[in-house]
Amino acid sequence: HHRSAAALAVGPDTTVLVAMFPDDAVRVVPFDRVVRPASDQSRLEAWLATHGTPLPGPRRPARGEVAVWCAARWWSAPLSHDEGLEPPASLDPALLQAHVLGPLLDVHDPAGDPRLAFVPGTVPLAELAERAGPDGVAFALAGVALDDIRRVADAGATMPPKSTYFAPKPRSGCLLVHV
């Protein structure tokens, strides 16, 4: 996990707190994306017109597709999947970045572009659209499968930025004990 790796980078004697959950108790929730402002939406709108399907309302997409809030309506569109790609390049967050965010909205640095915000998939899609506002667009993704996360870890690779949001979250804080 990136937090453990960061702590260990400080030094080999760094104390790292760990919480373990059984597979059946962990939910992997996606991080959705909002691009605001999305000053030139014309390329995205053209892509949606040829690849997308208008939706009557918001709905969480299945793996391999993205739900998009653009021009005051929800769309569903498949994410291009190049044959032969393995995780992490084949995961929905990486495909969205490679085929939509970068080429259509000029968001080439997901970790540093101030127009791009990451929103936990626990936020309702109606609120996600509100966060996009009249000058932005929103993208909702499906959660990444635990098996894909394991495959990335076993390969020694890195997950795409903000591709997973785990639940439950271990509680954090400070406990003062008076003895």
N, C-alpha and C. Protein backbone atom coordinates (compact mmCIF):
# COMPACT_ATOMS: atom_id res chain seq x y z
N HIS A 1 0.84 -1.17 0.00
CA HIS A 1 0.00 0.00 0.00
C HIS A 1 0.88 1.23 0.00
N HIS A 2 0.47 2.29 -0.68
CA HIS A 2 1.33 3.47 -0.83
C HIS A 2 1.65 4.15 0.50
N ARG A 3 0.79 4.08 1.48
CA ARG A 3 1.10 4.70 2.78
C ARG A 3 2.17 3.91 3.51
N SER A 4 2.10 2.60 3.44
CA SER A 4 3.14 1.78 4.05
C SER A 4 4.47 2.00 3.35
N ALA A 5 4.43 2.05 2.02
CA ALA A 5 5.67 2.28 1.27
C ALA A 5 6.27 3.64 1.62
N ALA A 6 5.44 4.66 1.78
CA ALA A 6 5.95 5.99 2.15
C ALA A 6 6.57 5.96 3.54
N ALA A 7 5.94 5.27 4.47
CA ALA A 7 6.48 5.18 5.83
C ALA A 7 7.80 4.43 5.83
N LEU A 8 7.88 3.35 5.07
CA LEU A 8 9.11 2.58 5.03
C LEU A 8 10.23 3.34 4.33
N ALA A 9 9.88 4.25 3.41
CA ALA A 9 10.90 5.06 2.74
C ALA A 9 11.60 6.00 3.71
N VAL A 10 10.92 6.34 4.81
CA VAL A 10 11.53 7.19 5.84
C VAL A 10 12.67 6.45 6.50
N GLY A 11 12.53 5.17 6.68
CA GLY A 11 13.59 4.38 7.29
C GLY A 11 13.11 2.99 7.62
N PRO A 12 14.03 2.02 7.67
CA PRO A 12 13.61 0.63 7.90
C PRO A 12 13.06 0.39 9.31
N ASP A 13 13.33 1.28 10.25
CA ASP A 13 12.84 1.10 11.61
C ASP A 13 11.55 1.85 11.86
N THR A 14 10.91 2.35 10.81
CA THR A 14 9.68 3.10 10.95
C THR A 14 8.55 2.17 11.39
N THR A 15 7.77 2.61 12.35
CA THR A 15 6.63 1.84 12.80
C THR A 15 5.45 2.11 11.86
N VAL A 16 4.85 1.07 11.39
CA VAL A 16 3.71 1.19 10.48
C VAL A 16 2.53 0.46 11.11
N LEU A 17 1.44 1.17 11.30
CA LEU A 17 0.23 0.54 11.80
C LEU A 17 -0.48 -0.17 10.66
N VAL A 18 -0.97 -1.35 10.93
CA VAL A 18 -1.60 -2.16 9.90
C VAL A 18 -2.96 -2.60 10.40
N ALA A 19 -3.94 -2.60 9.53
CA ALA A 19 -5.25 -3.15 9.83
C ALA A 19 -5.51 -4.24 8.79
N MET A 20 -5.93 -5.38 9.25
CA MET A 20 -6.19 -6.49 8.34
C MET A 20 -7.68 -6.84 8.38
N PHE A 21 -8.23 -7.05 7.20
CA PHE A 21 -9.63 -7.42 7.07
C PHE A 21 -9.72 -8.65 6.17
N PRO A 22 -10.62 -9.57 6.43
CA PRO A 22 -10.80 -10.70 5.51
C PRO A 22 -11.37 -10.20 4.18
N ASP A 23 -11.06 -10.92 3.12
CA ASP A 23 -11.52 -10.53 1.78
C ASP A 23 -13.00 -10.22 1.72
N ASP A 24 -13.81 -11.04 2.39
CA ASP A 24 -15.25 -10.87 2.30
C ASP A 24 -15.77 -9.68 3.12
N ALA A 25 -14.88 -9.01 3.85
CA ALA A 25 -15.29 -7.84 4.63
C ALA A 25 -14.82 -6.53 4.00
N VAL A 26 -14.10 -6.63 2.89
CA VAL A 26 -13.54 -5.44 2.25
C VAL A 26 -14.35 -5.10 1.00
N ARG A 27 -14.68 -3.85 0.88
CA ARG A 27 -15.30 -3.36 -0.36
C ARG A 27 -14.30 -2.43 -1.03
N VAL A 28 -14.08 -2.61 -2.31
CA VAL A 28 -13.23 -1.71 -3.07
C VAL A 28 -14.18 -0.78 -3.84
N VAL A 29 -14.17 0.46 -3.43
CA VAL A 29 -15.04 1.48 -4.02
C VAL A 29 -14.18 2.31 -4.97
N PRO A 30 -14.72 2.75 -6.08
CA PRO A 30 -13.91 3.55 -7.00
C PRO A 30 -13.72 4.98 -6.49
N PHE A 31 -12.77 5.64 -7.06
CA PHE A 31 -12.68 7.09 -6.96
C PHE A 31 -13.23 7.61 -8.27
N ASP A 32 -14.29 8.41 -8.19
CA ASP A 32 -14.82 9.06 -9.38
C ASP A 32 -13.99 10.31 -9.65
N ARG A 33 -14.20 10.93 -10.80
CA ARG A 33 -13.43 12.10 -11.17
C ARG A 33 -14.34 13.24 -11.60
N VAL A 34 -13.91 14.45 -11.27
CA VAL A 34 -14.57 15.67 -11.74
C VAL A 34 -13.49 16.54 -12.38
N VAL A 35 -13.76 17.02 -13.57
CA VAL A 35 -12.86 17.96 -14.23
C VAL A 35 -13.60 19.29 -14.30
N ARG A 36 -12.98 20.27 -13.61
CA ARG A 36 -13.63 21.57 -13.54
C ARG A 36 -12.60 22.66 -13.39
N PRO A 37 -12.58 23.64 -14.25
CA PRO A 37 -13.46 23.75 -15.42
C PRO A 37 -12.99 22.85 -16.55
N ALA A 38 -13.92 22.40 -17.34
CA ALA A 38 -13.63 21.66 -18.56
C ALA A 38 -13.98 22.62 -19.69
N SER A 39 -13.08 23.57 -19.91
CA SER A 39 -13.38 24.69 -20.79
C SER A 39 -13.74 24.28 -22.21
N ASP A 40 -13.10 23.26 -22.75
CA ASP A 40 -13.44 22.81 -24.10
C ASP A 40 -13.97 21.39 -24.02
N GLN A 41 -15.29 21.27 -23.96
CA GLN A 41 -15.92 19.97 -23.86
C GLN A 41 -16.30 19.40 -25.22
N SER A 42 -15.99 20.12 -26.30
CA SER A 42 -16.46 19.70 -27.61
C SER A 42 -15.93 18.33 -28.02
N ARG A 43 -14.66 18.01 -27.73
CA ARG A 43 -14.13 16.69 -28.09
C ARG A 43 -14.81 15.59 -27.27
N LEU A 44 -15.06 15.86 -25.98
CA LEU A 44 -15.75 14.87 -25.15
C LEU A 44 -17.19 14.68 -25.64
N GLU A 45 -17.87 15.77 -25.96
CA GLU A 45 -19.25 15.67 -26.46
C GLU A 45 -19.30 14.90 -27.77
N ALA A 46 -18.32 15.10 -28.66
CA ALA A 46 -18.28 14.36 -29.93
C ALA A 46 -18.02 12.88 -29.67
N TRP A 47 -17.14 12.57 -28.71
CA TRP A 47 -16.86 11.18 -28.36
C TRP A 47 -18.11 10.52 -27.80
N LEU A 48 -18.83 11.22 -26.92
CA LEU A 48 -20.06 10.67 -26.35
C LEU A 48 -21.13 10.46 -27.42
N ALA A 49 -21.20 11.37 -28.38
CA ALA A 49 -22.20 11.24 -29.45
C ALA A 49 -21.96 9.99 -30.30
N THR A 50 -20.68 9.58 -30.45
CA THR A 50 -20.39 8.41 -31.28
C THR A 50 -20.23 7.12 -30.46
N HIS A 51 -19.78 7.23 -29.21
CA HIS A 51 -19.51 6.03 -28.41
C HIS A 51 -20.49 5.83 -27.25
N GLY A 52 -21.19 6.88 -26.88
CA GLY A 52 -22.01 6.83 -25.68
C GLY A 52 -23.48 6.57 -25.94
N THR A 53 -24.15 6.29 -24.85
CA THR A 53 -25.60 6.11 -24.86
C THR A 53 -26.18 7.01 -23.78
N PRO A 54 -27.13 7.88 -24.13
CA PRO A 54 -27.74 8.73 -23.10
C PRO A 54 -28.47 7.87 -22.06
N LEU A 55 -28.37 8.28 -20.82
CA LEU A 55 -29.05 7.57 -19.73
C LEU A 55 -30.21 8.42 -19.21
N PRO A 56 -31.28 7.79 -18.74
CA PRO A 56 -32.39 8.56 -18.19
C PRO A 56 -32.05 9.20 -16.84
N GLY A 57 -31.00 8.72 -16.21
CA GLY A 57 -30.57 9.25 -14.91
C GLY A 57 -29.25 8.63 -14.54
N PRO A 58 -28.72 9.00 -13.40
CA PRO A 58 -27.42 8.46 -13.01
C PRO A 58 -27.52 6.99 -12.62
N ARG A 59 -26.48 6.23 -12.97
CA ARG A 59 -26.35 4.85 -12.51
C ARG A 59 -24.87 4.50 -12.48
N ARG A 60 -24.51 3.70 -11.49
CA ARG A 60 -23.13 3.25 -11.33
C ARG A 60 -22.81 2.31 -12.48
N PRO A 61 -21.71 2.52 -13.22
CA PRO A 61 -21.40 1.68 -14.36
C PRO A 61 -20.83 0.32 -13.96
N ALA A 62 -20.85 -0.60 -14.88
CA ALA A 62 -20.20 -1.90 -14.72
C ALA A 62 -18.73 -1.74 -15.11
N ARG A 63 -17.93 -2.74 -14.77
CA ARG A 63 -16.53 -2.69 -15.19
C ARG A 63 -16.47 -2.64 -16.71
N GLY A 64 -15.54 -1.85 -17.21
CA GLY A 64 -15.39 -1.73 -18.66
C GLY A 64 -16.19 -0.60 -19.26
N GLU A 65 -16.90 0.15 -18.43
CA GLU A 65 -17.65 1.30 -18.93
C GLU A 65 -17.50 2.46 -17.95
N VAL A 66 -17.90 3.62 -18.39
CA VAL A 66 -17.85 4.82 -17.56
C VAL A 66 -19.18 5.54 -17.70
N ALA A 67 -19.66 6.10 -16.59
CA ALA A 67 -20.84 6.97 -16.64
C ALA A 67 -20.30 8.40 -16.63
N VAL A 68 -20.82 9.23 -17.51
CA VAL A 68 -20.29 10.57 -17.69
C VAL A 68 -21.42 11.58 -17.54
N TRP A 69 -21.18 12.60 -16.72
CA TRP A 69 -22.08 13.75 -16.61
C TRP A 69 -21.48 14.84 -17.48
N CYS A 70 -22.14 15.18 -18.57
CA CYS A 70 -21.64 16.17 -19.51
C CYS A 70 -22.82 16.85 -20.18
N ALA A 71 -22.74 18.16 -20.31
CA ALA A 71 -23.79 18.94 -20.98
C ALA A 71 -25.16 18.67 -20.36
N ALA A 72 -25.18 18.63 -19.02
CA ALA A 72 -26.41 18.53 -18.24
C ALA A 72 -27.17 17.22 -18.43
N ARG A 73 -26.42 16.12 -18.74
CA ARG A 73 -27.07 14.82 -18.82
C ARG A 73 -26.07 13.71 -18.56
N TRP A 74 -26.59 12.54 -18.18
CA TRP A 74 -25.76 11.38 -17.93
C TRP A 74 -25.65 10.53 -19.19
N TRP A 75 -24.46 9.99 -19.40
CA TRP A 75 -24.17 9.10 -20.52
C TRP A 75 -23.49 7.84 -20.00
N SER A 76 -23.58 6.77 -20.75
CA SER A 76 -22.79 5.57 -20.51
C SER A 76 -21.94 5.35 -21.75
N ALA A 77 -20.67 5.00 -21.53
CA ALA A 77 -19.79 4.73 -22.68
C ALA A 77 -18.82 3.63 -22.31
N PRO A 78 -18.49 2.77 -23.28
CA PRO A 78 -17.49 1.74 -23.02
C PRO A 78 -16.10 2.36 -22.96
N LEU A 79 -15.25 1.78 -22.15
CA LEU A 79 -13.85 2.22 -22.11
C LEU A 79 -13.07 1.36 -23.09
N SER A 80 -12.33 1.99 -23.97
CA SER A 80 -11.53 1.25 -24.95
C SER A 80 -10.58 0.32 -24.23
N HIS A 81 -10.54 -0.92 -24.69
CA HIS A 81 -9.66 -1.90 -24.06
C HIS A 81 -8.75 -2.48 -25.14
N ASP A 82 -7.49 -2.14 -25.07
CA ASP A 82 -6.52 -2.66 -26.03
C ASP A 82 -6.20 -4.11 -25.70
N GLU A 83 -6.23 -4.95 -26.70
CA GLU A 83 -5.93 -6.38 -26.50
C GLU A 83 -4.50 -6.54 -25.98
N GLY A 84 -4.35 -7.46 -25.06
CA GLY A 84 -3.03 -7.76 -24.55
C GLY A 84 -2.61 -6.93 -23.35
N LEU A 85 -3.40 -5.93 -22.99
CA LEU A 85 -3.04 -5.14 -21.81
C LEU A 85 -3.30 -5.92 -20.55
N GLU A 86 -2.41 -5.79 -19.59
CA GLU A 86 -2.56 -6.40 -18.28
C GLU A 86 -2.69 -5.28 -17.25
N PRO A 87 -3.23 -5.61 -16.08
CA PRO A 87 -3.26 -4.60 -15.02
C PRO A 87 -1.83 -4.14 -14.70
N PRO A 88 -1.61 -2.90 -14.45
CA PRO A 88 -2.59 -1.85 -14.18
C PRO A 88 -3.11 -1.13 -15.42
N ALA A 89 -2.46 -1.30 -16.60
CA ALA A 89 -2.86 -0.54 -17.79
C ALA A 89 -4.27 -0.90 -18.26
N SER A 90 -4.77 -2.10 -17.93
CA SER A 90 -6.09 -2.53 -18.39
C SER A 90 -7.21 -2.16 -17.43
N LEU A 91 -6.89 -1.55 -16.30
CA LEU A 91 -7.92 -1.18 -15.32
C LEU A 91 -8.68 0.06 -15.77
N ASP A 92 -9.95 0.13 -15.39
CA ASP A 92 -10.80 1.24 -15.82
C ASP A 92 -10.20 2.63 -15.55
N PRO A 93 -9.62 2.89 -14.36
CA PRO A 93 -9.04 4.23 -14.15
C PRO A 93 -7.91 4.55 -15.13
N ALA A 94 -7.10 3.55 -15.49
CA ALA A 94 -6.02 3.77 -16.45
C ALA A 94 -6.57 3.99 -17.85
N LEU A 95 -7.60 3.21 -18.22
CA LEU A 95 -8.22 3.37 -19.54
C LEU A 95 -8.90 4.73 -19.68
N LEU A 96 -9.58 5.16 -18.62
CA LEU A 96 -10.21 6.49 -18.64
C LEU A 96 -9.16 7.57 -18.85
N GLN A 97 -8.05 7.46 -18.14
CA GLN A 97 -6.98 8.44 -18.28
C GLN A 97 -6.40 8.42 -19.70
N ALA A 98 -6.09 7.22 -20.20
CA ALA A 98 -5.42 7.09 -21.49
C ALA A 98 -6.30 7.46 -22.68
N HIS A 99 -7.60 7.19 -22.61
CA HIS A 99 -8.46 7.37 -23.78
C HIS A 99 -9.43 8.54 -23.70
N VAL A 100 -9.63 9.10 -22.50
CA VAL A 100 -10.61 10.17 -22.36
C VAL A 100 -10.00 11.42 -21.71
N LEU A 101 -9.56 11.29 -20.48
CA LEU A 101 -9.08 12.48 -19.76
C LEU A 101 -7.90 13.15 -20.46
N GLY A 102 -6.91 12.37 -20.86
CA GLY A 102 -5.75 12.94 -21.53
C GLY A 102 -6.08 13.49 -22.91
N PRO A 103 -6.50 12.63 -23.85
CA PRO A 103 -6.70 13.11 -25.22
C PRO A 103 -7.89 14.04 -25.44
N LEU A 104 -8.95 13.91 -24.64
CA LEU A 104 -10.16 14.70 -24.90
C LEU A 104 -10.26 15.96 -24.03
N LEU A 105 -9.68 15.92 -22.83
CA LEU A 105 -9.81 17.07 -21.91
C LEU A 105 -8.45 17.66 -21.51
N ASP A 106 -7.37 17.16 -22.12
CA ASP A 106 -6.02 17.67 -21.84
C ASP A 106 -5.63 17.57 -20.37
N VAL A 107 -6.10 16.54 -19.69
CA VAL A 107 -5.68 16.26 -18.31
C VAL A 107 -4.62 15.16 -18.42
N HIS A 108 -3.35 15.58 -18.51
CA HIS A 108 -2.27 14.64 -18.73
C HIS A 108 -1.53 14.24 -17.45
N ASP A 109 -1.71 15.01 -16.39
CA ASP A 109 -1.06 14.71 -15.12
C ASP A 109 -2.13 14.57 -14.04
N PRO A 110 -2.68 13.35 -13.87
CA PRO A 110 -3.78 13.20 -12.93
C PRO A 110 -3.40 13.53 -11.49
N ALA A 111 -2.13 13.38 -11.14
CA ALA A 111 -1.72 13.67 -9.77
C ALA A 111 -1.50 15.16 -9.53
N GLY A 112 -1.34 15.94 -10.60
CA GLY A 112 -1.00 17.34 -10.40
C GLY A 112 -1.89 18.36 -11.08
N ASP A 113 -2.83 17.94 -11.90
CA ASP A 113 -3.68 18.91 -12.61
C ASP A 113 -4.72 19.46 -11.64
N PRO A 114 -4.71 20.78 -11.40
CA PRO A 114 -5.66 21.34 -10.42
C PRO A 114 -7.12 21.28 -10.87
N ARG A 115 -7.37 21.02 -12.14
CA ARG A 115 -8.76 20.92 -12.61
C ARG A 115 -9.39 19.59 -12.25
N LEU A 116 -8.55 18.59 -11.93
CA LEU A 116 -9.04 17.24 -11.67
C LEU A 116 -9.21 17.02 -10.18
N ALA A 117 -10.42 16.62 -9.79
CA ALA A 117 -10.70 16.28 -8.40
C ALA A 117 -11.14 14.82 -8.34
N PHE A 118 -10.72 14.14 -7.29
CA PHE A 118 -11.09 12.75 -7.06
C PHE A 118 -12.14 12.71 -5.97
N VAL A 119 -13.22 11.99 -6.23
CA VAL A 119 -14.35 11.93 -5.31
C VAL A 119 -14.63 10.46 -4.98
N PRO A 120 -14.63 10.10 -3.69
CA PRO A 120 -14.90 8.70 -3.35
C PRO A 120 -16.23 8.24 -3.94
N GLY A 121 -16.26 7.00 -4.42
CA GLY A 121 -17.47 6.45 -5.01
C GLY A 121 -18.61 6.26 -4.02
N THR A 122 -18.38 6.59 -2.76
CA THR A 122 -19.46 6.56 -1.77
C THR A 122 -20.35 7.79 -1.88
N VAL A 123 -19.90 8.81 -2.61
CA VAL A 123 -20.69 10.02 -2.82
C VAL A 123 -21.77 9.71 -3.86
N PRO A 124 -23.02 10.05 -3.60
CA PRO A 124 -24.08 9.78 -4.59
C PRO A 124 -23.79 10.46 -5.93
N LEU A 125 -24.21 9.80 -7.00
CA LEU A 125 -23.92 10.32 -8.34
C LEU A 125 -24.59 11.67 -8.59
N ALA A 126 -25.75 11.92 -7.99
CA ALA A 126 -26.38 13.23 -8.15
C ALA A 126 -25.49 14.32 -7.56
N GLU A 127 -24.85 14.02 -6.44
CA GLU A 127 -23.92 15.00 -5.84
C GLU A 127 -22.66 15.14 -6.69
N LEU A 128 -22.22 14.05 -7.30
CA LEU A 128 -21.06 14.12 -8.19
C LEU A 128 -21.34 15.09 -9.33
N ALA A 129 -22.53 15.02 -9.92
CA ALA A 129 -22.90 15.94 -10.99
C ALA A 129 -22.94 17.38 -10.48
N GLU A 130 -23.44 17.58 -9.27
CA GLU A 130 -23.47 18.93 -8.68
C GLU A 130 -22.06 19.48 -8.52
N ARG A 131 -21.13 18.61 -8.12
CA ARG A 131 -19.75 19.06 -7.95
C ARG A 131 -19.13 19.49 -9.27
N ALA A 132 -19.57 18.87 -10.36
CA ALA A 132 -19.06 19.26 -11.68
C ALA A 132 -19.54 20.67 -12.04
N GLY A 133 -20.73 21.02 -11.60
CA GLY A 133 -21.25 22.36 -11.89
C GLY A 133 -21.51 22.55 -13.37
N PRO A 134 -21.85 23.77 -13.74
CA PRO A 134 -22.19 24.03 -15.15
C PRO A 134 -20.97 24.06 -16.07
N ASP A 135 -19.77 24.19 -15.52
CA ASP A 135 -18.58 24.30 -16.37
C ASP A 135 -17.68 23.08 -16.29
N GLY A 136 -18.17 21.99 -15.71
CA GLY A 136 -17.34 20.81 -15.56
C GLY A 136 -18.02 19.56 -16.04
N VAL A 137 -17.28 18.46 -15.94
CA VAL A 137 -17.79 17.14 -16.29
C VAL A 137 -17.43 16.18 -15.16
N ALA A 138 -18.19 15.11 -15.03
CA ALA A 138 -17.93 14.11 -14.00
C ALA A 138 -17.88 12.72 -14.63
N PHE A 139 -17.07 11.88 -14.03
CA PHE A 139 -16.89 10.51 -14.50
C PHE A 139 -17.06 9.57 -13.33
N ALA A 140 -17.95 8.60 -13.46
CA ALA A 140 -18.16 7.58 -12.44
C ALA A 140 -17.65 6.25 -12.98
N LEU A 141 -16.94 5.54 -12.13
CA LEU A 141 -16.33 4.27 -12.51
C LEU A 141 -16.86 3.14 -11.62
N ALA A 142 -16.62 1.92 -12.06
CA ALA A 142 -16.88 0.75 -11.22
C ALA A 142 -15.66 0.53 -10.34
N GLY A 143 -15.83 -0.21 -9.26
CA GLY A 143 -14.71 -0.54 -8.40
C GLY A 143 -13.76 -1.53 -9.06
N VAL A 144 -12.50 -1.45 -8.70
CA VAL A 144 -11.49 -2.39 -9.19
C VAL A 144 -11.62 -3.69 -8.40
N ALA A 145 -11.49 -4.81 -9.07
CA ALA A 145 -11.60 -6.12 -8.42
C ALA A 145 -10.38 -6.38 -7.53
N LEU A 146 -10.61 -7.03 -6.39
CA LEU A 146 -9.51 -7.38 -5.49
C LEU A 146 -8.47 -8.25 -6.20
N ASP A 147 -8.92 -9.14 -7.07
CA ASP A 147 -7.97 -9.99 -7.81
C ASP A 147 -7.05 -9.16 -8.69
N ASP A 148 -7.57 -8.09 -9.29
CA ASP A 148 -6.72 -7.21 -10.11
C ASP A 148 -5.72 -6.45 -9.25
N ILE A 149 -6.14 -6.04 -8.06
CA ILE A 149 -5.22 -5.35 -7.15
C ILE A 149 -4.09 -6.31 -6.76
N ARG A 150 -4.44 -7.56 -6.49
CA ARG A 150 -3.42 -8.57 -6.15
C ARG A 150 -2.46 -8.79 -7.31
N ARG A 151 -3.00 -8.85 -8.52
CA ARG A 151 -2.15 -9.06 -9.70
C ARG A 151 -1.16 -7.92 -9.87
N VAL A 152 -1.61 -6.70 -9.64
CA VAL A 152 -0.72 -5.55 -9.74
C VAL A 152 0.37 -5.63 -8.67
N ALA A 153 -0.04 -5.95 -7.44
CA ALA A 153 0.93 -6.05 -6.35
C ALA A 153 1.91 -7.19 -6.60
N ASP A 154 1.43 -8.35 -7.04
CA ASP A 154 2.30 -9.50 -7.29
C ASP A 154 3.30 -9.21 -8.41
N ALA A 155 2.92 -8.35 -9.35
CA ALA A 155 3.82 -7.98 -10.44
C ALA A 155 4.80 -6.88 -10.03
N GLY A 156 4.63 -6.35 -8.81
CA GLY A 156 5.51 -5.26 -8.36
C GLY A 156 5.20 -3.95 -9.04
N ALA A 157 4.01 -3.85 -9.62
CA ALA A 157 3.60 -2.64 -10.34
C ALA A 157 2.85 -1.70 -9.40
N THR A 158 2.48 -0.54 -9.90
CA THR A 158 1.79 0.48 -9.13
C THR A 158 0.40 0.68 -9.70
N MET A 159 -0.58 0.79 -8.84
CA MET A 159 -1.96 1.07 -9.28
C MET A 159 -2.03 2.48 -9.86
N PRO A 160 -2.97 2.73 -10.78
CA PRO A 160 -3.17 4.09 -11.28
C PRO A 160 -3.54 5.02 -10.12
N PRO A 161 -3.22 6.32 -10.23
CA PRO A 161 -3.55 7.26 -9.14
C PRO A 161 -5.04 7.21 -8.81
N LYS A 162 -5.32 7.19 -7.51
CA LYS A 162 -6.69 7.23 -6.98
C LYS A 162 -7.60 6.24 -7.70
N SER A 163 -7.17 4.99 -7.72
CA SER A 163 -7.99 3.97 -8.38
C SER A 163 -8.79 3.14 -7.40
N THR A 164 -8.47 3.23 -6.10
CA THR A 164 -9.20 2.44 -5.12
C THR A 164 -9.49 3.25 -3.87
N TYR A 165 -10.62 2.98 -3.31
CA TYR A 165 -11.05 3.55 -2.03
C TYR A 165 -11.60 2.37 -1.25
N PHE A 166 -10.92 2.01 -0.18
CA PHE A 166 -11.31 0.82 0.56
C PHE A 166 -12.29 1.14 1.67
N ALA A 167 -13.23 0.24 1.87
CA ALA A 167 -14.14 0.33 3.00
C ALA A 167 -14.19 -1.06 3.62
N PRO A 168 -14.16 -1.21 4.90
CA PRO A 168 -14.23 -0.13 5.89
C PRO A 168 -12.88 0.58 6.02
N LYS A 169 -12.95 1.80 6.51
CA LYS A 169 -11.75 2.58 6.79
C LYS A 169 -11.37 2.36 8.25
N PRO A 170 -10.12 2.04 8.51
CA PRO A 170 -9.71 1.97 9.92
C PRO A 170 -9.86 3.35 10.55
N ARG A 171 -10.36 3.38 11.73
CA ARG A 171 -10.51 4.64 12.44
C ARG A 171 -9.15 5.16 12.82
N SER A 172 -9.00 6.47 12.79
CA SER A 172 -7.74 7.08 13.20
C SER A 172 -8.03 8.17 14.20
N GLY A 173 -7.03 8.54 14.93
CA GLY A 173 -7.19 9.59 15.92
C GLY A 173 -6.19 9.41 17.04
N CYS A 174 -6.41 10.09 18.08
CA CYS A 174 -5.49 10.05 19.22
C CYS A 174 -6.25 9.59 20.44
N LEU A 175 -5.68 8.64 21.13
CA LEU A 175 -6.30 8.13 22.35
C LEU A 175 -5.39 8.48 23.52
N LEU A 176 -5.91 9.23 24.43
CA LEU A 176 -5.14 9.60 25.61
C LEU A 176 -5.57 8.72 26.78
N VAL A 177 -4.60 8.10 27.40
CA VAL A 177 -4.89 7.24 28.53
C VAL A 177 -4.21 7.84 29.75
N HIS A 178 -4.97 8.08 30.77
CA HIS A 178 -4.43 8.63 32.00
C HIS A 178 -4.19 7.47 32.96
N VAL A 179 -2.97 7.32 33.38
CA VAL A 179 -2.63 6.21 34.26
C VAL A 179 -2.41 6.74 35.66
